[in-house]
Amino acid sequence: MKIDDNEGVSAPSKHLVFAYYVTGHGFGHATRVVEVVRHLIAAGHDVHVVTGAPDFRDSVS
């Protein structure tokens, strides 16, 4: 994935599947991960998240 200030984000030609674990200790980790997960999904990848953080699923939608 390439991020260019003038052109935005260009997705790689290969579709990837990510498994992402987010600790449920505190909510700061999940808050930061939301943007990463959104970016990966927007780039056309599949992302599976496992977490003990409350309400994480609602944050990504």
N, C-alpha and C. Protein backbone atom coordinates (compact mmCIF):
# COMPACT_ATOMS: atom_id res chain seq x y z
N MET A 1 0.85 -1.17 0.00
CA MET A 1 0.00 0.00 0.00
C MET A 1 0.90 1.22 0.00
N LYS A 2 0.56 2.16 -0.82
CA LYS A 2 1.33 3.38 -0.93
C LYS A 2 0.44 4.56 -0.56
N ILE A 3 0.95 5.43 0.27
CA ILE A 3 0.21 6.64 0.63
C ILE A 3 0.95 7.82 0.03
N ASP A 4 0.26 8.53 -0.81
CA ASP A 4 0.83 9.69 -1.49
C ASP A 4 0.00 10.91 -1.13
N ASP A 5 0.65 11.97 -0.67
CA ASP A 5 -0.08 13.17 -0.25
C ASP A 5 -0.95 13.74 -1.37
N ASN A 6 -0.51 13.61 -2.60
CA ASN A 6 -1.25 14.20 -3.71
C ASN A 6 -2.35 13.29 -4.25
N GLU A 7 -2.18 11.98 -4.10
CA GLU A 7 -3.12 11.06 -4.72
C GLU A 7 -3.90 10.21 -3.73
N GLY A 8 -3.65 10.32 -2.46
CA GLY A 8 -4.36 9.51 -1.48
C GLY A 8 -3.72 8.14 -1.32
N VAL A 9 -4.56 7.13 -1.12
CA VAL A 9 -4.07 5.78 -0.86
C VAL A 9 -4.31 4.93 -2.09
N SER A 10 -3.28 4.22 -2.50
CA SER A 10 -3.45 3.28 -3.60
C SER A 10 -3.38 1.87 -3.03
N ALA A 11 -4.40 1.07 -3.29
CA ALA A 11 -4.47 -0.29 -2.76
C ALA A 11 -3.56 -1.21 -3.57
N PRO A 12 -2.94 -2.18 -2.89
CA PRO A 12 -2.14 -3.14 -3.62
C PRO A 12 -3.05 -4.02 -4.48
N SER A 13 -2.48 -4.61 -5.51
CA SER A 13 -3.28 -5.44 -6.39
C SER A 13 -3.67 -6.76 -5.73
N LYS A 14 -2.99 -7.12 -4.67
CA LYS A 14 -3.25 -8.38 -3.98
C LYS A 14 -4.23 -8.18 -2.82
N HIS A 15 -5.28 -9.00 -2.79
CA HIS A 15 -6.25 -8.96 -1.69
C HIS A 15 -5.65 -9.71 -0.50
N LEU A 16 -5.65 -9.08 0.66
CA LEU A 16 -5.07 -9.69 1.85
C LEU A 16 -6.15 -9.90 2.91
N VAL A 17 -5.90 -10.86 3.80
CA VAL A 17 -6.79 -11.14 4.92
C VAL A 17 -5.97 -10.95 6.19
N PHE A 18 -6.47 -10.10 7.11
CA PHE A 18 -5.78 -9.81 8.35
C PHE A 18 -6.55 -10.38 9.54
N ALA A 19 -5.82 -10.92 10.49
CA ALA A 19 -6.38 -11.31 11.79
C ALA A 19 -5.74 -10.36 12.79
N TYR A 20 -6.56 -9.61 13.51
CA TYR A 20 -6.07 -8.54 14.38
C TYR A 20 -6.58 -8.79 15.79
N TYR A 21 -5.68 -8.85 16.76
CA TYR A 21 -6.08 -8.98 18.16
C TYR A 21 -5.87 -7.65 18.86
N VAL A 22 -6.88 -7.22 19.60
CA VAL A 22 -6.80 -5.97 20.36
C VAL A 22 -7.07 -6.30 21.82
N THR A 23 -6.15 -5.95 22.67
CA THR A 23 -6.33 -6.22 24.09
C THR A 23 -7.54 -5.46 24.64
N GLY A 24 -8.22 -6.08 25.56
CA GLY A 24 -9.39 -5.45 26.17
C GLY A 24 -9.03 -4.64 27.40
N HIS A 25 -7.74 -4.56 27.72
CA HIS A 25 -7.28 -3.82 28.90
C HIS A 25 -7.29 -2.33 28.58
N GLY A 26 -8.25 -1.63 29.11
CA GLY A 26 -8.40 -0.21 28.77
C GLY A 26 -9.05 -0.09 27.41
N PHE A 27 -9.40 1.10 27.02
CA PHE A 27 -10.06 1.28 25.73
C PHE A 27 -9.16 2.01 24.74
N GLY A 28 -8.00 2.47 25.17
CA GLY A 28 -7.09 3.21 24.30
C GLY A 28 -6.58 2.41 23.12
N HIS A 29 -6.24 1.13 23.34
CA HIS A 29 -5.75 0.29 22.25
C HIS A 29 -6.81 0.16 21.16
N ALA A 30 -8.02 -0.16 21.56
CA ALA A 30 -9.11 -0.33 20.58
C ALA A 30 -9.39 0.96 19.83
N THR A 31 -9.32 2.07 20.52
CA THR A 31 -9.58 3.36 19.89
C THR A 31 -8.58 3.62 18.76
N ARG A 32 -7.32 3.33 19.00
CA ARG A 32 -6.30 3.55 17.97
C ARG A 32 -6.42 2.56 16.82
N VAL A 33 -6.81 1.34 17.13
CA VAL A 33 -6.90 0.29 16.11
C VAL A 33 -8.06 0.55 15.14
N VAL A 34 -9.10 1.24 15.60
CA VAL A 34 -10.26 1.49 14.75
C VAL A 34 -9.84 2.11 13.42
N GLU A 35 -8.99 3.10 13.45
CA GLU A 35 -8.57 3.77 12.21
C GLU A 35 -7.74 2.85 11.32
N VAL A 36 -6.91 2.03 11.92
CA VAL A 36 -6.11 1.09 11.13
C VAL A 36 -7.03 0.10 10.42
N VAL A 37 -8.00 -0.46 11.15
CA VAL A 37 -8.92 -1.42 10.58
C VAL A 37 -9.76 -0.78 9.48
N ARG A 38 -10.25 0.42 9.70
CA ARG A 38 -11.03 1.12 8.66
C ARG A 38 -10.21 1.32 7.40
N HIS A 39 -8.96 1.67 7.57
CA HIS A 39 -8.06 1.90 6.43
C HIS A 39 -7.86 0.60 5.64
N LEU A 40 -7.64 -0.49 6.34
CA LEU A 40 -7.44 -1.78 5.67
C LEU A 40 -8.69 -2.22 4.91
N ILE A 41 -9.85 -2.04 5.52
CA ILE A 41 -11.11 -2.40 4.86
C ILE A 41 -11.33 -1.51 3.63
N ALA A 42 -11.07 -0.22 3.77
CA ALA A 42 -11.24 0.70 2.65
C ALA A 42 -10.31 0.36 1.48
N ALA A 43 -9.18 -0.26 1.80
CA ALA A 43 -8.22 -0.65 0.77
C ALA A 43 -8.61 -1.98 0.12
N GLY A 44 -9.74 -2.56 0.56
CA GLY A 44 -10.23 -3.78 -0.08
C GLY A 44 -9.83 -5.08 0.58
N HIS A 45 -9.29 -5.01 1.78
CA HIS A 45 -8.85 -6.21 2.48
C HIS A 45 -9.93 -6.70 3.44
N ASP A 46 -9.83 -7.96 3.82
CA ASP A 46 -10.70 -8.52 4.86
C ASP A 46 -9.96 -8.42 6.19
N VAL A 47 -10.66 -7.99 7.24
CA VAL A 47 -10.06 -7.86 8.55
C VAL A 47 -10.94 -8.56 9.58
N HIS A 48 -10.36 -9.49 10.31
CA HIS A 48 -11.06 -10.19 11.39
C HIS A 48 -10.44 -9.73 12.70
N VAL A 49 -11.26 -9.16 13.57
CA VAL A 49 -10.77 -8.61 14.83
C VAL A 49 -11.29 -9.44 15.99
N VAL A 50 -10.38 -9.78 16.89
CA VAL A 50 -10.73 -10.46 18.14
C VAL A 50 -10.34 -9.52 19.26
N THR A 51 -11.28 -9.25 20.17
CA THR A 51 -10.98 -8.33 21.26
C THR A 51 -11.91 -8.57 22.44
N GLY A 52 -11.45 -8.13 23.59
CA GLY A 52 -12.27 -8.14 24.79
C GLY A 52 -12.75 -6.73 25.10
N ALA A 53 -12.41 -5.78 24.23
CA ALA A 53 -12.80 -4.39 24.44
C ALA A 53 -14.30 -4.23 24.21
N PRO A 54 -15.01 -3.61 25.14
CA PRO A 54 -16.46 -3.43 24.96
C PRO A 54 -16.76 -2.46 23.82
N ASP A 55 -17.79 -2.76 23.07
CA ASP A 55 -18.30 -1.88 22.01
C ASP A 55 -17.32 -1.62 20.87
N PHE A 56 -16.31 -2.47 20.71
CA PHE A 56 -15.35 -2.26 19.61
C PHE A 56 -16.03 -2.40 18.26
N ARG A 57 -16.89 -3.37 18.12
CA ARG A 57 -17.56 -3.62 16.83
C ARG A 57 -18.34 -2.39 16.38
N ASP A 58 -19.00 -1.73 17.29
CA ASP A 58 -19.78 -0.55 16.94
C ASP A 58 -18.89 0.62 16.51
N SER A 59 -17.65 0.63 16.96
CA SER A 59 -16.73 1.71 16.61
C SER A 59 -16.25 1.62 15.18
N VAL A 60 -16.15 0.39 14.65
CA VAL A 60 -15.61 0.20 13.31
C VAL A 60 -16.68 0.44 12.26
N SER A 61 -17.91 0.16 12.57
CA SER A 61 -19.01 0.28 11.58
C SER A 61 -19.15 1.68 11.06
